[in-house]
Protein backbone atom coordinates (compact mmCIF):
# COMPACT_ATOMS: atom_id res chain seq x y z
CA MET A 1 82.15 294.35 -72.03
CA ASP A 2 81.99 293.19 -75.66
CA ILE A 3 80.74 289.85 -76.95
CA SER A 4 84.23 288.38 -77.23
CA SER A 5 84.94 289.17 -73.57
CA VAL A 6 81.69 287.53 -72.48
CA THR A 7 82.43 284.48 -74.59
CA SER A 8 85.89 284.22 -73.05
CA LEU A 9 84.43 284.48 -69.55
CA ALA A 10 81.80 281.82 -70.28
CA SER A 11 84.52 279.53 -71.59
CA LEU A 12 86.40 279.93 -68.32
CA TYR A 13 83.33 278.71 -66.46
CA ASN A 14 82.41 276.01 -68.96
CA THR A 15 79.61 273.96 -67.44
CA SER A 16 80.76 270.65 -68.83
CA ALA A 17 84.30 271.09 -67.55
CA ILE A 18 83.18 272.14 -64.10
CA SER A 19 80.65 269.29 -63.91
CA SER A 20 83.42 266.85 -64.78
CA ARG A 21 85.66 268.21 -62.04
CA VAL A 22 82.82 268.03 -59.52
CA ALA A 23 82.08 264.44 -60.53
CA GLU A 24 85.75 263.51 -60.17
CA ALA A 25 85.90 265.09 -56.72
CA TYR A 26 83.00 263.00 -55.48
CA ALA A 27 83.88 259.78 -57.30
CA LYS A 28 86.51 258.56 -54.83
CA PRO A 29 84.47 259.00 -51.62
CA GLN A 30 81.46 257.42 -53.32
CA GLU A 31 83.54 254.44 -54.43
CA ARG A 32 85.14 254.05 -51.00
CA LEU A 33 81.78 254.14 -49.21
CA SER A 34 80.32 251.70 -51.73
CA GLN A 35 83.14 249.24 -51.03
CA GLN A 36 82.70 249.65 -47.27
CA ALA A 37 78.96 249.07 -47.55
CA GLU A 38 79.40 245.94 -49.67
CA SER A 39 82.03 244.52 -47.29
CA THR A 40 79.72 245.11 -44.32
CA ARG A 41 76.78 243.46 -46.10
CA VAL A 42 78.94 240.41 -46.85
CA GLN A 43 79.89 240.16 -43.17
CA LEU A 44 76.27 240.58 -42.08
CA SER A 45 75.20 237.82 -44.45
CA ALA A 46 77.92 235.53 -43.08
CA PHE A 47 76.93 236.21 -39.49
CA GLY A 48 73.34 235.57 -40.56
CA GLU A 49 74.38 232.04 -41.52
CA ILE A 50 76.07 231.52 -38.17
CA LYS A 51 73.04 232.93 -36.37
CA SER A 52 70.78 230.47 -38.19
CA THR A 53 72.94 227.44 -37.38
CA THR A 54 73.35 228.59 -33.77
CA ALA A 55 69.58 228.90 -33.38
CA GLN A 56 69.18 225.39 -34.83
CA LEU A 57 71.76 224.13 -32.33
CA GLU A 58 69.88 225.74 -29.46
CA THR A 59 66.67 224.02 -30.58
CA ALA A 60 68.39 220.65 -30.95
CA ALA A 61 70.07 221.01 -27.55
CA ASN A 62 66.75 221.77 -25.87
CA LYS A 63 65.37 218.48 -27.23
CA LEU A 64 67.98 216.67 -25.13
CA ARG A 65 66.28 218.21 -22.08
CA ASP A 66 62.87 216.83 -23.01
CA ASN A 67 62.67 213.41 -21.30
CA GLN A 68 59.45 212.62 -23.09
CA GLN A 69 61.37 212.58 -26.37
CA LEU A 70 64.07 210.48 -24.68
CA SER A 71 61.64 207.84 -23.38
CA THR A 72 62.32 205.31 -26.18
CA VAL A 73 65.38 204.15 -28.10
CA ASP A 74 63.99 205.56 -31.34
CA GLY A 75 63.13 208.94 -29.83
CA LEU A 76 66.47 209.11 -28.05
CA THR A 77 68.44 208.21 -31.18
CA LYS A 78 66.56 210.76 -33.28
CA ALA A 79 67.19 213.53 -30.73
CA VAL A 80 70.88 212.68 -30.36
CA GLN A 81 71.49 212.44 -34.09
CA GLY A 82 69.69 215.75 -34.62
CA PHE A 83 71.85 217.33 -31.94
CA ALA A 84 75.07 215.94 -33.47
CA GLU A 85 74.05 217.22 -36.89
CA ALA A 86 73.29 220.68 -35.49
CA VAL A 87 76.64 220.81 -33.65
CA ASN A 88 78.62 219.73 -36.70
CA ASN A 89 76.74 222.13 -38.99
CA ARG A 90 77.32 225.08 -36.67
CA LEU A 91 81.01 224.32 -36.27
CA SER A 92 81.64 223.71 -39.98
CA THR A 93 79.74 226.86 -40.98
CA ALA A 94 81.75 229.02 -38.60
CA ASN A 95 85.01 227.36 -39.69
CA ARG A 96 84.22 227.96 -43.36
CA LEU A 97 83.27 231.60 -42.88
CA GLY A 98 86.21 232.25 -40.57
CA ALA A 99 88.81 230.49 -42.73
CA ALA A 100 91.98 232.59 -42.85
CA ASP A 101 92.47 232.22 -46.61
CA SER A 102 88.96 232.71 -47.99
CA GLY A 103 86.39 233.22 -45.24
CA ALA A 104 84.07 236.22 -45.29
CA LEU A 105 84.78 236.64 -41.57
CA ALA A 106 88.48 235.75 -41.61
CA ALA A 107 89.40 238.96 -39.81
CA ASP A 108 86.69 238.68 -37.16
CA GLY A 109 87.87 237.00 -33.96
CA LYS A 110 84.26 236.67 -32.77
CA VAL A 111 83.81 233.70 -35.11
CA ARG A 112 86.66 231.75 -33.58
CA ALA A 113 85.50 232.76 -30.11
CA ALA A 114 82.02 231.40 -30.79
CA ASN A 115 83.37 228.06 -32.00
CA ASN A 116 85.75 227.78 -29.07
CA GLU A 117 82.89 228.39 -26.66
CA THR A 118 80.83 225.63 -28.25
CA ARG A 119 83.76 223.23 -28.26
CA ARG A 120 84.60 223.93 -24.60
CA THR A 121 80.99 223.39 -23.60
CA LEU A 122 80.93 220.00 -25.31
CA GLU A 123 84.22 219.10 -23.65
CA GLY A 124 83.02 220.16 -20.21
CA VAL A 125 85.18 220.89 -17.17
CA SER A 126 88.30 218.72 -17.37
CA GLY A 127 86.65 216.75 -20.20
CA SER A 128 83.69 215.66 -18.03
CA ASN A 129 81.06 216.07 -20.77
CA ARG A 130 83.26 214.45 -23.39
CA ASP A 131 83.86 211.40 -21.19
CA ALA A 132 80.20 211.06 -20.27
CA LEU A 133 79.10 211.32 -23.90
CA GLN A 134 81.73 208.82 -24.99
CA GLN A 135 80.36 206.27 -22.53
CA ILE A 136 76.95 206.35 -24.20
CA GLY A 137 78.20 206.23 -27.80
CA ILE A 138 78.69 209.90 -28.67
CA GLY A 139 82.27 210.71 -29.63
CA VAL A 140 83.61 214.28 -29.38
CA SER A 141 86.56 215.04 -31.66
CA GLY A 142 89.28 217.56 -30.90
CA ASN A 143 87.50 220.30 -32.85
CA GLY A 144 84.18 219.60 -31.13
CA ALA A 145 82.49 217.64 -33.93
CA LEU A 146 80.25 214.77 -32.81
CA LYS A 147 79.93 211.23 -34.09
CA VAL A 148 77.12 208.97 -32.93
CA ASP A 149 77.39 205.21 -32.53
CA ALA A 150 73.68 204.34 -32.64
CA GLN A 151 74.15 200.77 -31.42
CA LYS A 152 76.29 201.77 -28.44
CA LEU A 153 73.76 204.50 -27.61
CA ALA A 154 70.90 201.99 -27.70
CA ASN A 155 72.82 199.52 -25.52
CA ALA A 156 73.61 202.23 -22.97
CA PHE A 157 69.96 203.30 -22.86
CA ASN A 158 68.71 199.75 -22.40
CA ALA A 159 71.23 199.19 -19.59
CA ASN A 160 70.63 202.44 -17.71
CA PRO A 161 68.09 204.84 -19.29
CA ASP A 162 68.15 207.28 -16.37
CA GLN A 163 71.91 207.73 -16.62
CA VAL A 164 71.72 208.31 -20.37
CA ARG A 165 68.97 210.87 -19.95
CA GLN A 166 70.86 212.63 -17.18
CA THR A 167 73.96 212.93 -19.37
CA LEU A 168 71.95 214.26 -22.29
CA ASN A 169 69.96 216.63 -20.05
CA THR A 170 73.16 218.11 -18.66
CA VAL A 171 74.91 218.58 -21.99
CA GLY A 172 71.72 219.78 -23.66
CA GLN A 173 71.13 222.44 -21.03
CA GLN A 174 74.70 223.72 -21.16
CA VAL A 175 74.79 223.90 -24.96
CA ALA A 176 71.32 225.49 -25.18
CA GLU A 177 72.22 228.17 -22.64
CA GLN A 178 75.57 228.83 -24.26
CA SER A 179 73.93 229.13 -27.72
CA ALA A 180 71.34 231.53 -26.32
CA ARG A 181 74.12 233.70 -24.89
CA GLN A 182 75.88 233.78 -28.25
CA LEU A 183 72.66 234.93 -29.91
CA GLY A 184 72.07 237.65 -27.31
CA ASN A 185 72.79 241.33 -27.94
CA ASN A 186 76.13 241.06 -26.16
CA GLY A 187 77.03 237.60 -27.50
CA ALA A 188 79.63 236.66 -30.08
CA VAL A 189 76.96 236.28 -32.77
CA GLY A 190 74.13 238.63 -31.79
CA GLY A 191 76.50 241.38 -30.69
CA SER A 192 78.42 241.22 -33.96
CA ILE A 193 75.21 241.45 -35.97
CA SER A 194 74.09 244.49 -33.97
CA ARG A 195 77.47 246.17 -34.47
CA LEU A 196 77.56 245.48 -38.20
CA THR A 197 73.95 246.61 -38.65
CA GLU A 198 74.76 249.91 -36.95
CA GLN A 199 77.93 250.24 -39.02
CA LEU A 200 76.04 249.67 -42.27
CA GLY A 201 73.44 252.25 -41.29
CA SER A 202 76.19 254.81 -40.67
CA ILE A 203 77.82 254.07 -44.04
CA GLU A 204 74.50 254.33 -45.88
CA GLN A 205 73.82 257.68 -44.21
CA ARG A 206 77.22 258.94 -45.34
CA GLN A 207 76.44 257.72 -48.86
CA THR A 208 73.21 259.69 -48.77
CA ASP A 209 75.07 262.79 -47.56
CA VAL A 210 77.70 262.51 -50.31
CA ARG A 211 75.01 262.07 -52.99
CA SER A 212 73.18 265.11 -51.64
CA GLN A 213 76.35 267.21 -51.65
CA PHE A 214 77.12 266.07 -55.21
CA GLN A 215 73.63 266.99 -56.41
CA GLN A 216 73.87 270.40 -54.73
CA SER A 217 77.23 271.04 -56.37
CA GLN A 218 75.90 270.05 -59.78
CA GLN A 219 72.88 272.26 -59.28
CA ALA A 220 75.15 275.18 -58.41
CA VAL A 221 77.08 274.61 -61.63
CA GLN A 222 73.86 274.58 -63.64
CA GLU A 223 72.67 277.78 -61.99
CA ARG A 224 76.01 279.43 -62.83
CA ASP A 225 75.55 278.31 -66.42
CA VAL A 226 72.13 279.94 -66.56
CA GLN A 227 73.61 283.19 -65.27
CA PHE A 228 76.33 283.21 -67.91
CA SER A 229 73.72 282.47 -70.56
CA ARG A 230 71.93 285.63 -69.46
CA ILE A 231 75.17 287.60 -69.86
CA GLN A 232 75.68 286.22 -73.37
CA GLN A 233 72.12 287.01 -74.40
CA LEU A 234 72.42 290.59 -73.17
CA ALA A 235 75.77 290.98 -74.89
CA GLN A 236 74.35 289.76 -78.18
CA THR A 237 71.46 292.23 -78.02
CA GLY A 238 73.70 295.06 -76.92
CA PHE A 239 71.96 295.57 -73.60
CA ILE A 240 74.82 295.02 -71.21
CA PHE A 241 77.01 297.06 -68.94
CA THR A 242 80.72 296.87 -69.25
CA GLY A 243 83.45 295.68 -66.96
CA ALA A 244 82.94 294.76 -63.30
CA ALA A 245 79.65 296.67 -63.14
CA ALA A 246 78.11 294.27 -65.66
CA TYR A 247 79.26 291.25 -63.75
CA ASN A 248 78.01 292.59 -60.43
CA ARG A 249 74.66 293.59 -61.87
CA ILE A 250 73.99 290.14 -63.26
CA PHE A 251 74.97 288.21 -60.13
CA SER A 252 73.32 290.56 -57.67
CA SER A 253 69.97 290.33 -59.43
């Protein structure tokens, strides 16, 4: 095998060209996995917001079960207003993130399910909670949002404090328990976070595998280049076999 033949063979296996083809082959799966990972992180972040507001709602609802905090008009009003704020914040956060046109969780039915559960709890069976809350100055809108009439609430408490506390205890317990279920591993919020966390872990593992395969392929190309360099060096010094025997000797060594 003369020098020109070796040079022609090395050109056929040009390292730069092969490296480019290898990079192109891995570019698409890397890009696809990167997009999947980013989308999953966005969803996890969004559910993190809902988890936070749901936990705040659970805390606020539990305060309606603490009769010591409901023993005065001021304490009662503070607890009720905190509860209304937590309800409205949770509902608006879920609505924003689940909005069909721009929400990060627009395609996730769990968001709507979570809001519907909260709304139904506030409504109560056949509107029983809604009616009871309305009587003491807490209005429940069609979408579940609350509005507090502080004066009506104070008047109701002064007239019949036990009845007011009983209404708040009942609603507080139901909302707290329902929020806790949503945050649980099988709940609309907690379950979704667990699923997305597992999904992200799987994607990241696949990214690691693809990077490893790419690095191995590039290393193989570099090793091939070293072997051809050895052929060229031997050809230039005249110490080389000819034909297939030369090729086999180099790559079997």
